[in-house]
Amino acid sequence: MTCKQFVALGVRLFCVWFAIYLMTGMTSYWIAISRQPHNESAGTILLAAIAVFALIVVLLWLFPLTVARNLLPRSALDQSIAVPPHEQIERAGFCLMGLWLLTHALPGLVFDAVITHLYHYPGATMELRPQDYAAVAEHLVELVLALWLLFGARGLRGLLAWTHSAGSPSARVDSNPEE
């Protein structure tokens, strides 16, 4: 693996992290904006910011080697690094991101469960708002993504391999080698 490939892998891992951050953070920002009265332009600004950041994620995902070439000095671009095969590094990266997301999702779900219990407690004076349900949904999605990243790293590796070979003339058309 060359230095350029190693940095490109880091760029792709950053893209996955940033996309997850955008998906989870956007609901919080939207809730905060919805609580502000008479601020119609805030929603438009938020959507524009999300669109710009999503475009950045897509561009970084599609062109990680270009970013790596710009980040590394020319002398280091094609130097070999003695690391395990890139599949192992990618799996480790996905597992680490899954662990990070799990450490965010589980405390959020515990907090949501406590709040839900308090609202349903006999004599409670408040009731659950739509924002509370949105927070539960957000944390459940985070939990599913975390479990997928942790235990589905092989499937994610296959997805990466497919995106690397998509559109190349040497890519296999059939997926069943026994035929």
N, C-alpha and C. Protein backbone atom coordinates (compact mmCIF):
# COMPACT_ATOMS: atom_id res chain seq x y z
N MET A 1 0.86 -1.17 0.00
CA MET A 1 0.00 0.00 0.00
C MET A 1 0.90 1.23 0.00
N THR A 2 0.58 2.18 -0.86
CA THR A 2 1.37 3.40 -0.92
C THR A 2 0.83 4.44 0.04
N CYS A 3 1.62 5.47 0.27
CA CYS A 3 1.17 6.58 1.14
C CYS A 3 -0.10 7.20 0.59
N LYS A 4 -0.14 7.35 -0.73
CA LYS A 4 -1.31 7.96 -1.39
C LYS A 4 -2.57 7.14 -1.13
N GLN A 5 -2.48 5.82 -1.23
CA GLN A 5 -3.62 4.96 -0.99
C GLN A 5 -4.05 5.01 0.48
N PHE A 6 -3.07 5.08 1.36
CA PHE A 6 -3.36 5.13 2.79
C PHE A 6 -4.12 6.41 3.14
N VAL A 7 -3.68 7.54 2.60
CA VAL A 7 -4.37 8.82 2.85
C VAL A 7 -5.75 8.80 2.21
N ALA A 8 -5.86 8.22 1.01
CA ALA A 8 -7.17 8.12 0.35
C ALA A 8 -8.14 7.30 1.18
N LEU A 9 -7.64 6.24 1.80
CA LEU A 9 -8.49 5.45 2.70
C LEU A 9 -8.97 6.29 3.87
N GLY A 10 -8.06 7.08 4.44
CA GLY A 10 -8.46 7.98 5.53
C GLY A 10 -9.50 8.98 5.09
N VAL A 11 -9.39 9.49 3.87
CA VAL A 11 -10.37 10.44 3.34
C VAL A 11 -11.73 9.76 3.22
N ARG A 12 -11.75 8.52 2.74
CA ARG A 12 -13.03 7.81 2.62
C ARG A 12 -13.66 7.53 3.99
N LEU A 13 -12.84 7.16 4.96
CA LEU A 13 -13.36 6.95 6.31
C LEU A 13 -13.91 8.25 6.89
N PHE A 14 -13.22 9.36 6.62
CA PHE A 14 -13.73 10.66 7.04
C PHE A 14 -15.07 10.95 6.39
N CYS A 15 -15.24 10.58 5.14
CA CYS A 15 -16.52 10.80 4.44
C CYS A 15 -17.66 10.05 5.12
N VAL A 16 -17.41 8.80 5.50
CA VAL A 16 -18.46 8.03 6.17
C VAL A 16 -18.80 8.69 7.50
N TRP A 17 -17.77 9.08 8.26
CA TRP A 17 -18.01 9.74 9.54
C TRP A 17 -18.78 11.04 9.35
N PHE A 18 -18.38 11.85 8.37
CA PHE A 18 -19.01 13.15 8.15
C PHE A 18 -20.46 12.99 7.69
N ALA A 19 -20.73 11.98 6.86
CA ALA A 19 -22.10 11.72 6.42
C ALA A 19 -22.98 11.32 7.60
N ILE A 20 -22.46 10.49 8.48
CA ILE A 20 -23.22 10.10 9.68
C ILE A 20 -23.47 11.32 10.56
N TYR A 21 -22.44 12.14 10.71
CA TYR A 21 -22.57 13.36 11.52
C TYR A 21 -23.64 14.28 10.93
N LEU A 22 -23.65 14.43 9.62
CA LEU A 22 -24.66 15.28 8.98
C LEU A 22 -26.07 14.73 9.20
N MET A 23 -26.22 13.41 9.05
CA MET A 23 -27.55 12.82 9.22
C MET A 23 -28.05 12.96 10.65
N THR A 24 -27.18 12.77 11.61
CA THR A 24 -27.62 12.86 13.00
C THR A 24 -27.74 14.29 13.47
N GLY A 25 -26.86 15.15 13.01
CA GLY A 25 -26.89 16.54 13.44
C GLY A 25 -28.00 17.35 12.81
N MET A 26 -28.40 16.98 11.61
CA MET A 26 -29.40 17.78 10.91
C MET A 26 -30.74 17.80 11.65
N THR A 27 -31.10 16.71 12.30
CA THR A 27 -32.37 16.72 13.03
C THR A 27 -32.30 17.66 14.24
N SER A 28 -31.16 17.67 14.91
CA SER A 28 -31.01 18.56 16.06
C SER A 28 -31.09 20.02 15.64
N TYR A 29 -30.41 20.34 14.55
CA TYR A 29 -30.45 21.72 14.06
C TYR A 29 -31.86 22.10 13.61
N TRP A 30 -32.53 21.16 12.95
CA TRP A 30 -33.89 21.46 12.47
C TRP A 30 -34.83 21.70 13.66
N ILE A 31 -34.69 20.91 14.71
CA ILE A 31 -35.52 21.10 15.90
C ILE A 31 -35.25 22.46 16.52
N ALA A 32 -33.98 22.83 16.63
CA ALA A 32 -33.62 24.13 17.20
C ALA A 32 -34.19 25.27 16.37
N ILE A 33 -34.14 25.15 15.07
CA ILE A 33 -34.68 26.20 14.19
C ILE A 33 -36.20 26.26 14.28
N SER A 34 -36.84 25.09 14.39
CA SER A 34 -38.31 25.08 14.42
C SER A 34 -38.85 25.73 15.69
N ARG A 35 -38.04 25.83 16.71
CA ARG A 35 -38.49 26.47 17.96
C ARG A 35 -38.39 27.99 17.90
N GLN A 36 -37.70 28.51 16.90
CA GLN A 36 -37.54 29.96 16.77
C GLN A 36 -38.73 30.54 15.99
N PRO A 37 -39.50 31.42 16.60
CA PRO A 37 -40.65 32.00 15.89
C PRO A 37 -40.19 33.03 14.85
N HIS A 38 -40.92 33.09 13.76
CA HIS A 38 -40.74 34.11 12.72
C HIS A 38 -39.32 34.13 12.15
N ASN A 39 -38.79 32.98 11.86
CA ASN A 39 -37.46 32.92 11.27
C ASN A 39 -37.52 31.97 10.07
N GLU A 40 -38.13 32.44 8.98
CA GLU A 40 -38.33 31.61 7.80
C GLU A 40 -37.02 31.34 7.06
N SER A 41 -36.09 32.27 7.10
CA SER A 41 -34.86 32.09 6.33
C SER A 41 -33.90 31.09 6.99
N ALA A 42 -34.06 30.81 8.27
CA ALA A 42 -33.15 29.89 8.95
C ALA A 42 -33.24 28.48 8.37
N GLY A 43 -34.43 28.04 8.04
CA GLY A 43 -34.60 26.72 7.44
C GLY A 43 -33.94 26.62 6.08
N THR A 44 -34.06 27.67 5.30
CA THR A 44 -33.42 27.70 3.99
C THR A 44 -31.90 27.69 4.12
N ILE A 45 -31.39 28.45 5.07
CA ILE A 45 -29.95 28.49 5.30
C ILE A 45 -29.45 27.12 5.75
N LEU A 46 -30.20 26.48 6.65
CA LEU A 46 -29.81 25.16 7.13
C LEU A 46 -29.79 24.15 5.98
N LEU A 47 -30.82 24.14 5.15
CA LEU A 47 -30.87 23.21 4.02
C LEU A 47 -29.74 23.48 3.04
N ALA A 48 -29.42 24.75 2.81
CA ALA A 48 -28.31 25.08 1.92
C ALA A 48 -26.98 24.59 2.50
N ALA A 49 -26.78 24.77 3.80
CA ALA A 49 -25.55 24.31 4.44
C ALA A 49 -25.44 22.79 4.36
N ILE A 50 -26.55 22.10 4.61
CA ILE A 50 -26.54 20.64 4.53
C ILE A 50 -26.23 20.19 3.10
N ALA A 51 -26.80 20.87 2.11
CA ALA A 51 -26.53 20.53 0.71
C ALA A 51 -25.06 20.74 0.36
N VAL A 52 -24.47 21.83 0.83
CA VAL A 52 -23.05 22.09 0.57
C VAL A 52 -22.18 21.02 1.22
N PHE A 53 -22.47 20.69 2.48
CA PHE A 53 -21.68 19.67 3.16
C PHE A 53 -21.86 18.30 2.52
N ALA A 54 -23.09 17.98 2.09
CA ALA A 54 -23.32 16.71 1.40
C ALA A 54 -22.54 16.66 0.09
N LEU A 55 -22.47 17.77 -0.62
CA LEU A 55 -21.69 17.83 -1.85
C LEU A 55 -20.20 17.61 -1.56
N ILE A 56 -19.72 18.19 -0.47
CA ILE A 56 -18.33 17.99 -0.07
C ILE A 56 -18.07 16.51 0.21
N VAL A 57 -18.99 15.86 0.92
CA VAL A 57 -18.84 14.44 1.22
C VAL A 57 -18.77 13.63 -0.08
N VAL A 58 -19.68 13.91 -1.00
CA VAL A 58 -19.71 13.17 -2.27
C VAL A 58 -18.42 13.38 -3.05
N LEU A 59 -17.96 14.63 -3.14
CA LEU A 59 -16.73 14.91 -3.88
C LEU A 59 -15.51 14.25 -3.23
N LEU A 60 -15.43 14.31 -1.91
CA LEU A 60 -14.32 13.64 -1.23
C LEU A 60 -14.38 12.13 -1.43
N TRP A 61 -15.59 11.57 -1.45
CA TRP A 61 -15.74 10.14 -1.64
C TRP A 61 -15.32 9.73 -3.05
N LEU A 62 -15.69 10.53 -4.03
CA LEU A 62 -15.39 10.19 -5.41
C LEU A 62 -13.93 10.43 -5.80
N PHE A 63 -13.29 11.39 -5.15
CA PHE A 63 -11.93 11.77 -5.53
C PHE A 63 -10.95 11.73 -4.35
N PRO A 64 -10.85 10.60 -3.64
CA PRO A 64 -9.93 10.56 -2.50
C PRO A 64 -8.45 10.61 -2.91
N LEU A 65 -8.13 10.04 -4.07
CA LEU A 65 -6.73 10.07 -4.51
C LEU A 65 -6.28 11.47 -4.89
N THR A 66 -7.18 12.27 -5.43
CA THR A 66 -6.86 13.66 -5.74
C THR A 66 -6.55 14.43 -4.46
N VAL A 67 -7.35 14.20 -3.44
CA VAL A 67 -7.11 14.84 -2.14
C VAL A 67 -5.77 14.38 -1.58
N ALA A 68 -5.50 13.08 -1.68
CA ALA A 68 -4.23 12.54 -1.17
C ALA A 68 -3.04 13.16 -1.90
N ARG A 69 -3.15 13.30 -3.23
CA ARG A 69 -2.05 13.92 -3.99
C ARG A 69 -1.81 15.35 -3.56
N ASN A 70 -2.88 16.05 -3.20
CA ASN A 70 -2.72 17.45 -2.77
C ASN A 70 -2.22 17.57 -1.34
N LEU A 71 -2.47 16.55 -0.52
CA LEU A 71 -2.04 16.61 0.88
C LEU A 71 -0.60 16.16 1.07
N LEU A 72 -0.15 15.22 0.27
CA LEU A 72 1.19 14.65 0.44
C LEU A 72 2.21 15.34 -0.45
N PRO A 73 3.45 15.42 0.03
CA PRO A 73 4.51 15.93 -0.85
C PRO A 73 4.77 14.92 -1.97
N ARG A 74 5.23 15.40 -3.10
CA ARG A 74 5.45 14.52 -4.26
C ARG A 74 6.38 13.35 -3.95
N SER A 75 7.36 13.57 -3.10
CA SER A 75 8.31 12.51 -2.81
C SER A 75 7.68 11.36 -2.04
N ALA A 76 6.58 11.61 -1.34
CA ALA A 76 5.95 10.57 -0.51
C ALA A 76 4.79 9.88 -1.20
N LEU A 77 4.37 10.33 -2.37
CA LEU A 77 3.16 9.80 -3.00
C LEU A 77 3.22 8.30 -3.24
N ASP A 78 4.31 7.82 -3.82
CA ASP A 78 4.36 6.41 -4.22
C ASP A 78 5.24 5.56 -3.32
N GLN A 79 5.59 6.08 -2.16
CA GLN A 79 6.36 5.28 -1.22
C GLN A 79 5.48 4.19 -0.63
N SER A 80 6.04 3.02 -0.50
CA SER A 80 5.29 1.90 0.07
C SER A 80 5.29 1.99 1.59
N ILE A 81 4.18 1.55 2.18
CA ILE A 81 4.06 1.49 3.62
C ILE A 81 3.85 0.02 3.98
N ALA A 82 4.58 -0.44 4.96
CA ALA A 82 4.42 -1.83 5.39
C ALA A 82 3.27 -1.92 6.38
N VAL A 83 2.08 -2.10 5.83
CA VAL A 83 0.88 -2.25 6.66
C VAL A 83 0.13 -3.49 6.19
N PRO A 84 -0.79 -3.98 7.00
CA PRO A 84 -1.59 -5.12 6.56
C PRO A 84 -2.38 -4.76 5.29
N PRO A 85 -2.90 -5.75 4.62
CA PRO A 85 -3.70 -5.46 3.41
C PRO A 85 -4.80 -4.45 3.69
N HIS A 86 -5.13 -3.68 2.66
CA HIS A 86 -6.09 -2.59 2.86
C HIS A 86 -7.47 -3.07 3.28
N GLU A 87 -7.81 -4.32 2.96
CA GLU A 87 -9.10 -4.82 3.43
C GLU A 87 -9.16 -4.85 4.95
N GLN A 88 -8.04 -5.26 5.57
CA GLN A 88 -8.00 -5.32 7.04
C GLN A 88 -8.07 -3.92 7.64
N ILE A 89 -7.41 -2.99 7.01
CA ILE A 89 -7.45 -1.61 7.51
C ILE A 89 -8.86 -1.04 7.37
N GLU A 90 -9.50 -1.29 6.22
CA GLU A 90 -10.86 -0.79 6.03
C GLU A 90 -11.82 -1.41 7.04
N ARG A 91 -11.71 -2.70 7.26
CA ARG A 91 -12.57 -3.35 8.26
C ARG A 91 -12.35 -2.75 9.64
N ALA A 92 -11.10 -2.55 9.99
CA ALA A 92 -10.80 -1.95 11.29
C ALA A 92 -11.37 -0.55 11.38
N GLY A 93 -11.25 0.22 10.31
CA GLY A 93 -11.80 1.58 10.30
C GLY A 93 -13.31 1.58 10.46
N PHE A 94 -13.99 0.69 9.72
CA PHE A 94 -15.44 0.62 9.84
C PHE A 94 -15.86 0.18 11.24
N CYS A 95 -15.13 -0.77 11.80
CA CYS A 95 -15.45 -1.21 13.16
C CYS A 95 -15.23 -0.09 14.17
N LEU A 96 -14.16 0.67 14.01
CA LEU A 96 -13.93 1.80 14.91
C LEU A 96 -15.02 2.85 14.78
N MET A 97 -15.44 3.12 13.56
CA MET A 97 -16.54 4.09 13.40
C MET A 97 -17.83 3.55 13.97
N GLY A 98 -18.05 2.25 13.85
CA GLY A 98 -19.22 1.64 14.46
C GLY A 98 -19.20 1.76 15.97
N LEU A 99 -18.03 1.54 16.56
CA LEU A 99 -17.90 1.72 18.01
C LEU A 99 -18.15 3.15 18.43
N TRP A 100 -17.60 4.09 17.67
CA TRP A 100 -17.82 5.51 17.97
C TRP A 100 -19.30 5.85 17.91
N LEU A 101 -19.97 5.39 16.86
CA LEU A 101 -21.40 5.67 16.71
C LEU A 101 -22.21 4.98 17.80
N LEU A 102 -21.80 3.79 18.18
CA LEU A 102 -22.48 3.07 19.26
C LEU A 102 -22.37 3.82 20.58
N THR A 103 -21.20 4.41 20.84
CA THR A 103 -21.04 5.17 22.07
C THR A 103 -21.87 6.44 22.07
N HIS A 104 -22.32 6.86 20.92
CA HIS A 104 -23.21 8.02 20.85
C HIS A 104 -24.67 7.59 20.91
N ALA A 105 -24.99 6.47 20.27
CA ALA A 105 -26.39 6.03 20.17
C ALA A 105 -26.91 5.46 21.49
N LEU A 106 -26.13 4.64 22.16
CA LEU A 106 -26.63 4.00 23.38
C LEU A 106 -26.94 4.99 24.50
N PRO A 107 -26.07 5.94 24.83
CA PRO A 107 -26.46 6.92 25.86
C PRO A 107 -27.69 7.73 25.45
N GLY A 108 -27.80 8.04 24.16
CA GLY A 108 -28.98 8.76 23.70
C GLY A 108 -30.25 7.95 23.88
N LEU A 109 -30.18 6.66 23.59
CA LEU A 109 -31.35 5.80 23.78
C LEU A 109 -31.70 5.65 25.26
N VAL A 110 -30.70 5.57 26.12
CA VAL A 110 -30.96 5.50 27.56
C VAL A 110 -31.64 6.78 28.02
N PHE A 111 -31.15 7.93 27.58
CA PHE A 111 -31.76 9.21 27.93
C PHE A 111 -33.21 9.26 27.43
N ASP A 112 -33.43 8.83 26.18
CA ASP A 112 -34.79 8.82 25.63
C ASP A 112 -35.70 7.91 26.43
N ALA A 113 -35.19 6.76 26.86
CA ALA A 113 -36.01 5.84 27.65
C ALA A 113 -36.37 6.45 28.99
N VAL A 114 -35.44 7.14 29.63
CA VAL A 114 -35.73 7.78 30.93
C VAL A 114 -36.76 8.87 30.75
N ILE A 115 -36.61 9.69 29.73
CA ILE A 115 -37.57 10.78 29.47
C ILE A 115 -38.95 10.20 29.18
N THR A 116 -39.00 9.16 28.36
CA THR A 116 -40.28 8.53 28.04
C THR A 116 -40.93 7.97 29.29
N HIS A 117 -40.14 7.35 30.14
CA HIS A 117 -40.67 6.81 31.39
C HIS A 117 -41.21 7.93 32.28
N LEU A 118 -40.47 9.04 32.37
CA LEU A 118 -40.93 10.15 33.20
C LEU A 118 -42.21 10.77 32.67
N TYR A 119 -42.35 10.85 31.35
CA TYR A 119 -43.56 11.41 30.77
C TYR A 119 -44.77 10.50 30.97
N HIS A 120 -44.53 9.19 31.06
CA HIS A 120 -45.63 8.25 31.24
C HIS A 120 -45.85 7.90 32.71
N TYR A 121 -45.08 8.50 33.58
CA TYR A 121 -45.21 8.26 35.01
C TYR A 121 -46.55 8.82 35.48
N PRO A 122 -47.26 8.14 36.38
CA PRO A 122 -48.55 8.66 36.86
C PRO A 122 -48.37 10.04 37.49
N GLY A 123 -49.19 10.97 37.07
CA GLY A 123 -49.14 12.32 37.60
C GLY A 123 -48.20 13.24 36.84
N ALA A 124 -47.66 12.78 35.72
CA ALA A 124 -46.75 13.62 34.93
C ALA A 124 -47.54 14.79 34.35
N THR A 125 -46.95 15.96 34.38
CA THR A 125 -47.63 17.16 33.90
C THR A 125 -47.27 17.49 32.45
N MET A 126 -46.32 16.78 31.87
CA MET A 126 -45.91 17.05 30.50
C MET A 126 -46.18 15.83 29.64
N GLU A 127 -46.20 16.05 28.34
CA GLU A 127 -46.35 14.93 27.42
C GLU A 127 -45.25 15.00 26.37
N LEU A 128 -45.05 13.87 25.72
CA LEU A 128 -44.01 13.81 24.70
C LEU A 128 -44.36 14.69 23.51
N ARG A 129 -43.33 15.39 23.02
CA ARG A 129 -43.50 16.26 21.86
C ARG A 129 -42.96 15.55 20.62
N PRO A 130 -43.27 16.05 19.44
CA PRO A 130 -42.73 15.44 18.21
C PRO A 130 -41.19 15.39 18.21
N GLN A 131 -40.56 16.38 18.82
CA GLN A 131 -39.10 16.40 18.88
C GLN A 131 -38.56 15.20 19.66
N ASP A 132 -39.30 14.80 20.69
CA ASP A 132 -38.87 13.65 21.49
C ASP A 132 -38.93 12.36 20.67
N TYR A 133 -39.99 12.22 19.87
CA TYR A 133 -40.09 11.06 19.00
C TYR A 133 -39.00 11.09 17.93
N ALA A 134 -38.69 12.28 17.42
CA ALA A 134 -37.62 12.41 16.43
C ALA A 134 -36.27 12.02 17.03
N ALA A 135 -36.04 12.38 18.28
CA ALA A 135 -34.79 12.02 18.93
C ALA A 135 -34.68 10.50 19.10
N VAL A 136 -35.78 9.85 19.44
CA VAL A 136 -35.77 8.39 19.56
C VAL A 136 -35.46 7.77 18.20
N ALA A 137 -36.12 8.26 17.14
CA ALA A 137 -35.86 7.74 15.80
C ALA A 137 -34.40 7.97 15.39
N GLU A 138 -33.85 9.13 15.71
CA GLU A 138 -32.45 9.43 15.38
C GLU A 138 -31.51 8.44 16.06
N HIS A 139 -31.75 8.19 17.35
CA HIS A 139 -30.87 7.28 18.07
C HIS A 139 -31.03 5.83 17.61
N LEU A 140 -32.22 5.45 17.19
CA LEU A 140 -32.42 4.10 16.66
C LEU A 140 -31.68 3.94 15.33
N VAL A 141 -31.74 4.95 14.48
CA VAL A 141 -31.00 4.91 13.20
C VAL A 141 -29.50 4.83 13.47
N GLU A 142 -29.03 5.62 14.44
CA GLU A 142 -27.61 5.55 14.81
C GLU A 142 -27.24 4.15 15.28
N LEU A 143 -28.11 3.54 16.07
CA LEU A 143 -27.84 2.19 16.57
C LEU A 143 -27.75 1.19 15.43
N VAL A 144 -28.67 1.28 14.48
CA VAL A 144 -28.65 0.37 13.33
C VAL A 144 -27.37 0.58 12.51
N LEU A 145 -27.02 1.85 12.25
CA LEU A 145 -25.79 2.13 11.51
C LEU A 145 -24.56 1.62 12.26
N ALA A 146 -24.55 1.80 13.57
CA ALA A 146 -23.42 1.35 14.37
C ALA A 146 -23.27 -0.16 14.30
N LEU A 147 -24.37 -0.88 14.41
CA LEU A 147 -24.31 -2.34 14.34
C LEU A 147 -23.90 -2.80 12.95
N TRP A 148 -24.35 -2.10 11.93
CA TRP A 148 -23.97 -2.44 10.56
C TRP A 148 -22.47 -2.20 10.36
N LEU A 149 -21.97 -1.09 10.87
CA LEU A 149 -20.55 -0.81 10.74
C LEU A 149 -19.71 -1.80 11.54
N LEU A 150 -20.20 -2.17 12.71
CA LEU A 150 -19.44 -3.12 13.54
C LEU A 150 -19.42 -4.53 12.97
N PHE A 151 -20.59 -5.02 12.60
CA PHE A 151 -20.70 -6.42 12.22
C PHE A 151 -20.82 -6.64 10.72
N GLY A 152 -20.98 -5.57 9.97
CA GLY A 152 -21.12 -5.71 8.52
C GLY A 152 -19.94 -5.16 7.77
N ALA A 153 -18.77 -5.15 8.40
CA ALA A 153 -17.59 -4.58 7.75
C ALA A 153 -17.25 -5.33 6.46
N ARG A 154 -17.48 -6.62 6.42
CA ARG A 154 -17.19 -7.38 5.20
C ARG A 154 -18.11 -6.92 4.07
N GLY A 155 -19.38 -6.66 4.37
CA GLY A 155 -20.29 -6.15 3.36
C GLY A 155 -19.91 -4.76 2.89
N LEU A 156 -19.45 -3.93 3.81
CA LEU A 156 -19.00 -2.60 3.42
C LEU A 156 -17.74 -2.70 2.57
N ARG A 157 -16.87 -3.64 2.88
CA ARG A 157 -15.67 -3.84 2.07
C ARG A 157 -16.06 -4.25 0.66
N GLY A 158 -17.06 -5.10 0.53
CA GLY A 158 -17.54 -5.49 -0.79
C GLY A 158 -18.12 -4.31 -1.55
N LEU A 159 -18.83 -3.43 -0.83
CA LEU A 159 -19.36 -2.23 -1.46
C LEU A 159 -18.24 -1.33 -1.96
N LEU A 160 -17.18 -1.17 -1.17
CA LEU A 160 -16.03 -0.38 -1.60
C LEU A 160 -15.37 -1.01 -2.82
N ALA A 161 -15.21 -2.32 -2.82
CA ALA A 161 -14.60 -3.00 -3.96
C ALA A 161 -15.45 -2.80 -5.20
N TRP A 162 -16.76 -2.84 -5.05
CA TRP A 162 -17.65 -2.63 -6.18
C TRP A 162 -17.51 -1.20 -6.72
N THR A 163 -17.42 -0.19 -5.82
CA THR A 163 -17.30 1.18 -6.30
C THR A 163 -15.96 1.42 -6.98
N HIS A 164 -14.92 0.69 -6.56
CA HIS A 164 -13.61 0.82 -7.22
C HIS A 164 -13.65 0.25 -8.63
N SER A 165 -14.40 -0.82 -8.83
CA SER A 165 -14.39 -1.48 -10.14
C SER A 165 -15.58 -1.07 -11.01
N ALA A 166 -16.51 -0.32 -10.49
CA ALA A 166 -17.69 0.07 -11.26
C ALA A 166 -17.27 0.91 -12.46
N GLY A 167 -17.75 0.51 -13.60
CA GLY A 167 -17.47 1.27 -14.82
C GLY A 167 -16.20 0.86 -15.52
N SER A 168 -15.40 0.01 -14.91
CA SER A 168 -14.16 -0.40 -15.59
C SER A 168 -14.48 -1.57 -16.52
N PRO A 169 -13.81 -1.64 -17.66
CA PRO A 169 -14.12 -2.71 -18.60
C PRO A 169 -13.75 -4.09 -18.08
N SER A 170 -12.85 -4.15 -17.10
CA SER A 170 -12.45 -5.45 -16.58
C SER A 170 -13.35 -5.94 -15.44
N ALA A 171 -14.36 -5.13 -15.08
CA ALA A 171 -15.24 -5.53 -13.99
C ALA A 171 -16.09 -6.71 -14.43
N ARG A 172 -16.29 -7.65 -13.51
CA ARG A 172 -17.09 -8.83 -13.83
C ARG A 172 -18.55 -8.47 -13.86
N VAL A 173 -19.26 -9.00 -14.83
CA VAL A 173 -20.69 -8.75 -14.96
C VAL A 173 -21.47 -9.73 -14.12
N ASP A 174 -21.09 -10.98 -14.15
CA ASP A 174 -21.82 -11.98 -13.39
C ASP A 174 -21.25 -12.09 -11.99
N SER A 175 -22.12 -12.36 -11.03
CA SER A 175 -21.69 -12.46 -9.65
C SER A 175 -21.61 -13.91 -9.17
N ASN A 176 -21.96 -14.85 -10.03
CA ASN A 176 -21.94 -16.25 -9.65
C ASN A 176 -20.80 -16.94 -10.38
N PRO A 177 -19.69 -17.26 -9.69
CA PRO A 177 -18.54 -17.84 -10.38
C PRO A 177 -18.74 -19.31 -10.76
N GLU A 178 -19.79 -19.96 -10.27
CA GLU A 178 -20.01 -21.39 -10.52
C GLU A 178 -20.67 -21.64 -11.87
N GLU A 179 -21.19 -20.63 -12.49
CA GLU A 179 -21.89 -20.85 -13.77
C GLU A 179 -20.94 -20.96 -14.91
